[in-house]
């Protein structure tokens, strides 16, 4: 405070020309800070005609701050401040420059920047957009962390001592954030491998349903019961993932248990009728139809049906399965064939 007071009292004795030169330098660099960043952005082919949008551009703001800092620095040199005051002002200027450079770097990887627009427009990178978004967010955090450490070091603090002092706290934070970090890393792995997309019908462990949301911490699945289940990404990677959206056909199996007293002629006639029905359905791949008597057991004659349908959407598949089952039931009713029920032998012991 005494140094600043002494400087203010001594202003009258200073050369007035130096003060006017300093003011002129500040005015010149203020004007240059408006036009030079625009010129540089044009050289970098960042053409933004809307001045309001340009003023909000992080790269533009960062460049302008650097020009202003340089002008202030030259003005202070002309004024020849006392050593203590000059050193303090230079520290403030360095802090401002560090923040400006950080803002420029962040602006270069912002969603509206030319670089990121090119990345979004690259067809080869379309499948990894989520991974790129997460990477840019982590990079922004890293830029600000580095800038923060540089600012701390400018004020003479020992970074080694700070890091050592935070050692215990870092362990606690690391343990608390372990699950979050694991889920984020798992989310990045899922985004990279892309085992499923929104709208796919998947089975993960014992949970089946449609993917309705994908995040880097978890995913949400809507089940057939119309409930939403959230699954952590770490669990997803530890489970087998069955994605029904990647298949081009679904298999249908059906077992008919005819009574033992059903004649061979009636059984053969039933099988032919079932085949005719199946072959008449456009949803069924006719080359995959298999109808066979697989067993004549002690309780029933077993007929098994195997076929594939080109319906892959699960909801539509369930609708078609219901239609097929009802059609077979109607055929059995028309032919007056009742299916055999499993029987059970009951033994009584005499005492």
Protein backbone atom coordinates (compact mmCIF):
# COMPACT_ATOMS: atom_id res chain seq x y z
CA UNK A 1 0.00 0.00 0.00
CA UNK A 2 2.85 2.43 0.85
CA UNK A 3 4.47 1.73 -2.51
CA UNK A 4 1.26 2.53 -4.39
CA UNK A 5 0.74 5.67 -2.27
CA UNK A 6 4.26 6.85 -3.01
CA UNK A 7 3.70 6.22 -6.71
CA UNK A 8 0.46 8.25 -6.73
CA UNK A 9 2.13 11.17 -4.91
CA UNK A 10 4.97 11.11 -7.42
CA UNK A 11 2.76 11.23 -10.50
CA UNK A 12 2.93 15.03 -10.64
CA UNK A 13 6.69 14.87 -10.85
CA UNK A 14 6.73 12.35 -13.67
CA UNK A 15 7.09 13.22 -17.27
CA UNK A 16 3.58 13.97 -18.57
CA UNK A 17 4.62 12.67 -21.98
CA UNK A 18 5.09 9.14 -20.61
CA UNK A 19 1.55 9.15 -19.26
CA UNK A 20 0.11 10.27 -22.60
CA UNK A 21 2.21 7.66 -24.44
CA UNK A 22 0.90 4.93 -22.10
CA UNK A 23 -2.69 6.06 -22.64
CA UNK A 24 -2.11 6.12 -26.40
CA UNK A 25 -0.70 2.58 -26.28
CA UNK A 26 -3.76 1.37 -24.33
CA UNK A 27 -6.13 2.98 -26.86
CA UNK A 28 -4.22 1.53 -29.82
CA UNK A 29 -4.20 -1.98 -28.38
CA UNK A 30 -7.85 -1.68 -27.40
CA UNK A 31 -8.70 -1.01 -31.05
CA UNK A 32 -6.30 -3.71 -32.23
CA UNK A 33 -7.89 -6.17 -29.79
CA UNK A 34 -11.16 -5.72 -31.70
CA UNK A 35 -9.86 -6.03 -35.27
CA UNK A 36 -6.80 -8.30 -35.09
CA UNK A 37 -8.67 -11.28 -33.57
CA UNK A 38 -11.25 -10.96 -36.36
CA UNK A 39 -8.45 -10.92 -38.95
CA UNK A 40 -6.83 -13.99 -37.41
CA UNK A 41 -10.17 -15.82 -37.36
CA UNK A 42 -10.65 -14.98 -41.04
CA UNK A 43 -7.16 -16.35 -41.79
CA UNK A 44 -8.20 -19.52 -39.93
CA UNK A 45 -11.36 -19.47 -42.10
CA UNK A 46 -13.69 -18.94 -39.16
CA UNK A 47 -16.18 -16.70 -40.93
CA UNK A 48 -18.85 -15.43 -38.56
CA UNK A 49 -20.89 -12.52 -39.92
CA UNK A 50 -23.04 -12.08 -36.81
CA UNK A 51 -21.05 -9.76 -34.51
CA UNK A 52 -22.99 -10.84 -31.43
CA UNK A 53 -22.14 -14.48 -32.06
CA UNK A 54 -18.51 -13.55 -32.77
CA UNK A 55 -18.20 -11.71 -29.46
CA UNK A 56 -19.35 -14.85 -27.65
CA UNK A 57 -16.72 -16.97 -29.43
CA UNK A 58 -14.19 -18.25 -26.84
CA UNK A 59 -11.29 -18.05 -29.29
CA UNK A 60 -12.15 -14.45 -30.16
CA UNK A 61 -12.45 -13.48 -26.48
CA UNK A 62 -9.17 -15.20 -25.63
CA UNK A 63 -7.25 -13.50 -28.45
CA UNK A 64 -8.67 -10.11 -27.53
CA UNK A 65 -7.65 -10.56 -23.89
CA UNK A 66 -4.07 -11.42 -24.93
CA UNK A 67 -3.80 -8.26 -27.07
CA UNK A 68 -5.15 -6.15 -24.20
CA UNK A 69 -2.68 -7.74 -21.78
CA UNK A 70 0.20 -7.00 -24.13
CA UNK A 71 -0.90 -3.37 -24.44
CA UNK A 72 -1.17 -3.01 -20.66
CA UNK A 73 2.30 -4.54 -20.28
CA UNK A 74 3.85 -2.03 -22.72
CA UNK A 75 2.03 0.85 -20.99
CA UNK A 76 3.40 -0.23 -17.61
CA UNK A 77 6.93 -0.37 -19.01
CA UNK A 78 6.57 3.21 -20.29
CA UNK A 79 5.28 4.36 -16.88
CA UNK A 80 8.29 2.75 -15.16
CA UNK A 81 6.47 1.64 -12.02
CA UNK A 82 8.38 0.79 -8.86
CA UNK A 83 9.83 -2.74 -8.88
CA UNK A 84 7.36 -4.17 -6.34
CA UNK A 85 4.29 -2.76 -8.06
CA UNK A 86 5.64 -3.77 -11.47
CA UNK A 87 6.24 -7.35 -10.33
CA UNK A 88 2.70 -7.61 -8.94
CA UNK A 89 1.16 -6.21 -12.13
CA UNK A 90 3.18 -8.58 -14.28
CA UNK A 91 1.89 -11.52 -12.21
CA UNK A 92 -1.68 -10.38 -12.83
CA UNK A 93 -0.97 -10.02 -16.55
CA UNK A 94 0.51 -13.54 -16.67
CA UNK A 95 -2.56 -14.93 -14.93
CA UNK A 96 -4.79 -13.17 -17.46
CA UNK A 97 -2.71 -14.56 -20.36
CA UNK A 98 -2.87 -18.10 -18.92
CA UNK A 99 -6.67 -17.86 -18.62
CA UNK A 100 -6.89 -16.40 -22.14
CA UNK A 101 -4.84 -19.23 -23.64
CA UNK A 102 -6.99 -21.75 -21.77
CA UNK A 103 -10.10 -20.08 -23.17
CA UNK A 104 -8.67 -20.23 -26.71
CA UNK A 105 -7.87 -23.94 -26.39
CA UNK A 106 -11.33 -24.67 -24.98
CA UNK A 107 -12.88 -22.63 -27.79
CA UNK A 108 -11.02 -24.72 -30.38
CA UNK A 109 -12.72 -27.91 -29.14
CA UNK A 110 -16.16 -26.41 -28.47
CA UNK A 111 -19.12 -27.88 -30.44
CA UNK A 112 -19.42 -24.68 -32.53
CA UNK A 113 -15.73 -24.52 -33.50
CA UNK A 114 -14.57 -25.20 -37.05
CA UNK A 115 -12.51 -28.19 -35.90
CA UNK A 116 -15.41 -29.92 -34.16
CA UNK A 117 -17.75 -29.18 -37.08
CA UNK A 118 -15.29 -30.99 -39.34
CA UNK A 119 -15.19 -33.89 -36.92
CA UNK A 120 -19.00 -34.07 -36.85
CA UNK A 121 -19.13 -33.95 -40.64
CA UNK A 122 -16.60 -36.77 -41.05
CA UNK A 123 -18.53 -39.89 -42.04
CA UNK A 124 -15.80 -42.18 -40.68
CA UNK A 125 -16.24 -40.71 -37.20
CA UNK A 126 -20.05 -40.70 -37.11
CA UNK A 127 -20.19 -43.91 -35.08
CA UNK A 128 -17.89 -42.51 -32.37
CA UNK A 129 -19.60 -39.15 -31.74
CA UNK A 130 -20.42 -39.96 -28.10
CA UNK A 131 -16.84 -41.00 -27.47
CA UNK A 132 -15.60 -37.77 -29.07
CA UNK A 133 -17.98 -35.68 -26.93
CA UNK A 134 -16.75 -37.32 -23.76
CA UNK A 135 -13.13 -36.91 -24.85
CA UNK A 136 -13.59 -33.18 -25.48
CA UNK A 137 -15.24 -32.71 -22.08
CA UNK A 138 -12.35 -34.47 -20.33
CA UNK A 139 -9.88 -32.40 -22.37
CA UNK A 140 -11.60 -29.17 -21.30
CA UNK A 141 -11.34 -30.21 -17.65
CA UNK A 142 -7.65 -31.06 -18.13
CA UNK A 143 -6.96 -27.65 -19.75
CA UNK A 144 -8.52 -25.78 -16.82
CA UNK A 145 -6.69 -27.97 -14.28
CA UNK A 146 -3.33 -27.24 -15.95
CA UNK A 147 -4.20 -23.52 -16.10
CA UNK A 148 -5.13 -23.60 -12.41
CA UNK A 149 -1.79 -25.16 -11.45
CA UNK A 150 0.08 -22.61 -13.57
CA UNK A 151 -1.77 -19.75 -11.84
CA UNK A 152 -0.99 -21.20 -8.40
CA UNK A 153 2.70 -21.45 -9.30
CA UNK A 154 2.68 -17.80 -10.50
CA UNK A 155 1.87 -16.68 -6.95
CA UNK A 156 4.82 -18.62 -5.56
CA UNK A 157 3.01 -21.59 -4.00
CA UNK A 158 4.83 -24.91 -3.92
CA UNK A 159 2.79 -27.36 -6.00
CA UNK A 160 4.61 -30.35 -4.49
CA UNK A 161 3.53 -29.31 -1.01
CA UNK A 162 -0.07 -28.81 -2.14
CA UNK A 163 -0.17 -32.19 -3.86
CA UNK A 164 1.34 -33.86 -0.76
CA UNK A 165 -1.18 -32.12 1.48
CA UNK A 166 -4.00 -33.36 -0.72
CA UNK A 167 -2.66 -36.90 -0.64
CA UNK A 168 -5.07 -38.25 2.01
CA UNK A 169 -7.99 -36.33 0.56
CA UNK A 170 -7.17 -37.65 -2.90
CA UNK A 171 -7.32 -41.22 -1.63
CA UNK A 172 -10.75 -40.62 -0.09
CA UNK A 173 -12.02 -38.93 -3.25
CA UNK A 174 -10.56 -41.69 -5.43
CA UNK A 175 -12.31 -44.37 -3.41
CA UNK A 176 -15.59 -42.47 -3.49
CA UNK A 177 -15.33 -41.86 -7.23
CA UNK A 178 -14.08 -45.33 -8.11
CA UNK A 179 -17.50 -46.59 -9.19
CA UNK A 180 -18.22 -43.43 -11.16
CA UNK A 181 -14.90 -43.63 -13.00
CA UNK A 182 -15.43 -47.34 -13.70
CA UNK A 183 -18.85 -46.60 -15.17
CA UNK A 184 -17.45 -43.76 -17.30
CA UNK A 185 -14.63 -45.94 -18.65
CA UNK A 186 -17.12 -48.73 -19.31
CA UNK A 187 -19.33 -46.21 -21.08
CA UNK A 188 -16.43 -45.20 -23.31
CA UNK A 189 -15.77 -48.87 -24.11
CA UNK A 190 -19.46 -49.39 -24.96
CA UNK A 191 -19.49 -46.26 -27.14
CA UNK A 192 -16.40 -47.52 -28.95
CA UNK A 193 -17.64 -51.08 -29.52
CA UNK A 194 -21.32 -50.09 -30.09
CA UNK A 195 -22.89 -53.45 -29.15
CA UNK A 196 -26.34 -51.82 -29.29
CA UNK A 197 -28.18 -48.62 -30.19
CA UNK A 198 -31.30 -46.84 -29.00
CA UNK A 199 -34.33 -48.83 -30.17
CA UNK A 200 -32.58 -52.22 -30.17
CA UNK A 201 -34.16 -55.17 -28.33
CA UNK A 202 -31.45 -56.65 -26.10
CA UNK A 203 -31.04 -59.21 -23.36
CA UNK A 204 -28.44 -58.35 -20.72
CA UNK A 205 -28.21 -60.99 -18.04
CA UNK A 206 -31.78 -61.73 -16.97
CA UNK A 207 -33.17 -58.39 -18.24
CA UNK A 208 -34.74 -58.05 -21.69
CA UNK A 209 -36.22 -54.99 -23.33
CA UNK A 210 -35.77 -52.05 -25.69
CA UNK A 211 -32.88 -49.61 -25.25
CA UNK A 212 -34.41 -46.17 -24.62
CA UNK A 213 -31.39 -44.21 -23.37
CA UNK A 214 -27.60 -44.60 -23.47
CA UNK A 215 -25.32 -42.59 -21.19
CA UNK A 216 -21.69 -42.91 -20.17
CA UNK A 217 -22.70 -44.02 -16.69
CA UNK A 218 -25.64 -46.29 -17.43
CA UNK A 219 -28.31 -47.33 -19.93
CA UNK A 220 -32.08 -47.56 -19.62
CA UNK A 221 -34.13 -50.51 -20.88
CA UNK A 222 -37.91 -50.60 -21.27
CA UNK A 223 -39.17 -54.11 -20.56
CA UNK A 224 -42.30 -55.87 -21.81
CA UNK A 225 -43.92 -55.02 -18.46
CA UNK A 226 -43.58 -51.34 -19.53
CA UNK A 227 -41.12 -50.68 -16.71
CA UNK A 228 -37.78 -48.89 -17.14
CA UNK A 229 -34.67 -50.59 -15.80
CA UNK A 230 -31.37 -48.73 -15.34
CA UNK A 231 -28.22 -50.85 -15.70
CA UNK A 232 -24.77 -49.60 -14.72
CA UNK A 233 -22.19 -49.78 -17.50
CA UNK A 234 -19.79 -51.87 -15.40
CA UNK A 235 -22.46 -54.57 -15.08
CA UNK A 236 -23.14 -54.49 -18.83
CA UNK A 237 -19.53 -55.35 -19.67
CA UNK A 238 -19.57 -58.26 -17.22
CA UNK A 239 -22.71 -59.81 -18.78
CA UNK A 240 -23.41 -61.51 -22.09
CA UNK A 241 -25.23 -59.12 -24.43
CA UNK A 242 -27.77 -60.56 -26.86
CA UNK A 243 -28.82 -57.96 -29.41
CA UNK A 244 -31.87 -59.14 -31.31
CA UNK A 245 -31.70 -56.14 -33.63
CA UNK A 246 -28.67 -57.62 -35.38
CA UNK A 247 -30.51 -60.79 -36.40
CA UNK A 248 -32.37 -61.11 -39.71
CA UNK A 249 -34.79 -63.85 -38.59
CA UNK A 250 -36.32 -65.31 -35.44
CA UNK A 251 -36.82 -68.98 -34.65
CA UNK A 252 -40.15 -70.40 -33.54
CA UNK A 253 -40.48 -73.77 -31.86
CA UNK A 254 -43.75 -75.50 -31.02
CA UNK A 255 -44.51 -78.87 -29.44
CA UNK A 256 -47.83 -80.68 -29.91
CA UNK A 257 -48.69 -83.65 -27.70
CA UNK A 258 -51.32 -85.79 -29.43
CA UNK A 259 -53.20 -88.53 -27.59
CA UNK A 260 -51.80 -92.05 -28.07
CA UNK A 261 -55.04 -93.22 -29.69
CA UNK A 262 -54.59 -90.72 -32.57
CA UNK A 263 -54.30 -92.72 -35.81
CA UNK A 264 -51.31 -92.41 -38.12
CA UNK A 265 -53.59 -91.17 -40.93
CA UNK A 266 -55.00 -88.41 -38.75
CA UNK A 267 -51.54 -87.47 -37.51
CA UNK A 268 -50.20 -87.27 -41.07
CA UNK A 269 -53.20 -85.26 -42.21
CA UNK A 270 -52.71 -82.82 -39.32
CA UNK A 271 -49.05 -82.37 -40.20
CA UNK A 272 -49.91 -81.64 -43.87
CA UNK A 273 -52.57 -79.11 -42.83
CA UNK A 274 -50.11 -77.35 -40.52
CA UNK A 275 -47.51 -77.20 -43.31
CA UNK A 276 -50.06 -75.71 -45.73
CA UNK A 277 -50.96 -73.03 -43.18
CA UNK A 278 -47.32 -72.18 -42.51
CA UNK A 279 -46.42 -72.02 -46.19
CA UNK A 280 -49.31 -69.64 -46.82
CA UNK A 281 -47.95 -67.11 -44.32
CA UNK A 282 -45.69 -64.47 -45.87
CA UNK A 283 -43.96 -63.82 -42.55
CA UNK A 284 -42.47 -67.36 -42.54
CA UNK A 285 -39.39 -68.49 -44.44
CA UNK A 286 -40.80 -71.56 -46.21
CA UNK A 287 -37.40 -73.25 -46.59
CA UNK A 288 -37.01 -73.42 -42.81
CA UNK A 289 -40.27 -75.22 -41.98
CA UNK A 290 -39.74 -78.55 -40.23
CA UNK A 291 -42.62 -80.69 -38.91
CA UNK A 292 -41.68 -84.08 -37.49
CA UNK A 293 -42.96 -86.79 -35.18
CA UNK A 294 -40.04 -86.84 -32.79
CA UNK A 295 -41.31 -89.29 -30.21
CA UNK A 296 -44.01 -91.82 -29.43
CA UNK A 297 -43.89 -91.93 -25.68
CA UNK A 298 -45.83 -93.62 -22.94
CA UNK A 299 -48.21 -90.66 -22.67
CA UNK A 300 -48.41 -88.96 -26.09
CA UNK A 301 -47.33 -88.70 -29.69
CA UNK A 302 -44.89 -85.75 -29.86
CA UNK A 303 -44.92 -83.49 -32.94
CA UNK A 304 -42.39 -80.68 -33.06
CA UNK A 305 -42.45 -77.64 -35.33
CA UNK A 306 -39.35 -75.60 -36.20
CA UNK A 307 -39.42 -72.54 -38.43
CA UNK A 308 -37.96 -69.06 -38.92
CA UNK A 309 -39.83 -65.80 -39.40
CA UNK A 310 -38.42 -62.66 -40.97
CA UNK A 311 -40.06 -60.54 -38.26
CA UNK A 312 -37.22 -59.29 -36.05
CA UNK A 313 -39.01 -56.55 -34.08
CA UNK A 314 -39.81 -58.18 -30.76
CA UNK A 315 -43.25 -56.64 -30.25
CA UNK A 316 -44.31 -57.62 -33.76
CA UNK A 317 -42.78 -61.06 -33.22
CA UNK A 318 -44.94 -61.59 -30.12
CA UNK A 319 -48.02 -60.52 -32.08
CA UNK A 320 -47.20 -62.96 -34.88
CA UNK A 321 -46.51 -65.79 -32.42
CA UNK A 322 -49.92 -65.24 -30.86
CA UNK A 323 -51.55 -65.28 -34.31
CA UNK A 324 -49.74 -68.53 -35.20
CA UNK A 325 -50.69 -70.25 -31.94
CA UNK A 326 -54.34 -69.30 -32.33
CA UNK A 327 -54.32 -70.56 -35.93
CA UNK A 328 -52.94 -73.96 -34.83
CA UNK A 329 -55.51 -74.11 -32.02
CA UNK A 330 -58.30 -73.41 -34.51
CA UNK A 331 -56.99 -76.19 -36.78
CA UNK A 332 -56.99 -78.68 -33.90
CA UNK A 333 -60.54 -77.70 -33.00
CA UNK A 334 -61.70 -78.15 -36.62
CA UNK A 335 -60.15 -81.62 -36.74
CA UNK A 336 -61.50 -82.41 -33.27
CA UNK A 337 -58.09 -83.28 -31.89
CA UNK A 338 -57.47 -82.65 -28.25
CA UNK A 339 -53.93 -82.35 -26.98
CA UNK A 340 -52.77 -84.87 -24.39
CA UNK A 341 -52.13 -83.65 -20.88
CA UNK A 342 -49.14 -84.96 -18.95
CA UNK A 343 -50.28 -87.63 -16.54
CA UNK A 344 -48.96 -88.47 -13.11
CA UNK A 345 -48.92 -91.88 -11.43
CA UNK A 346 -50.02 -91.91 -7.81
CA UNK A 347 -49.01 -94.85 -5.64
CA UNK A 348 -50.72 -95.77 -2.35
CA UNK A 349 -48.92 -97.81 0.24
CA UNK A 350 -50.72 -100.24 2.51
CA UNK A 351 -50.02 -100.23 6.20
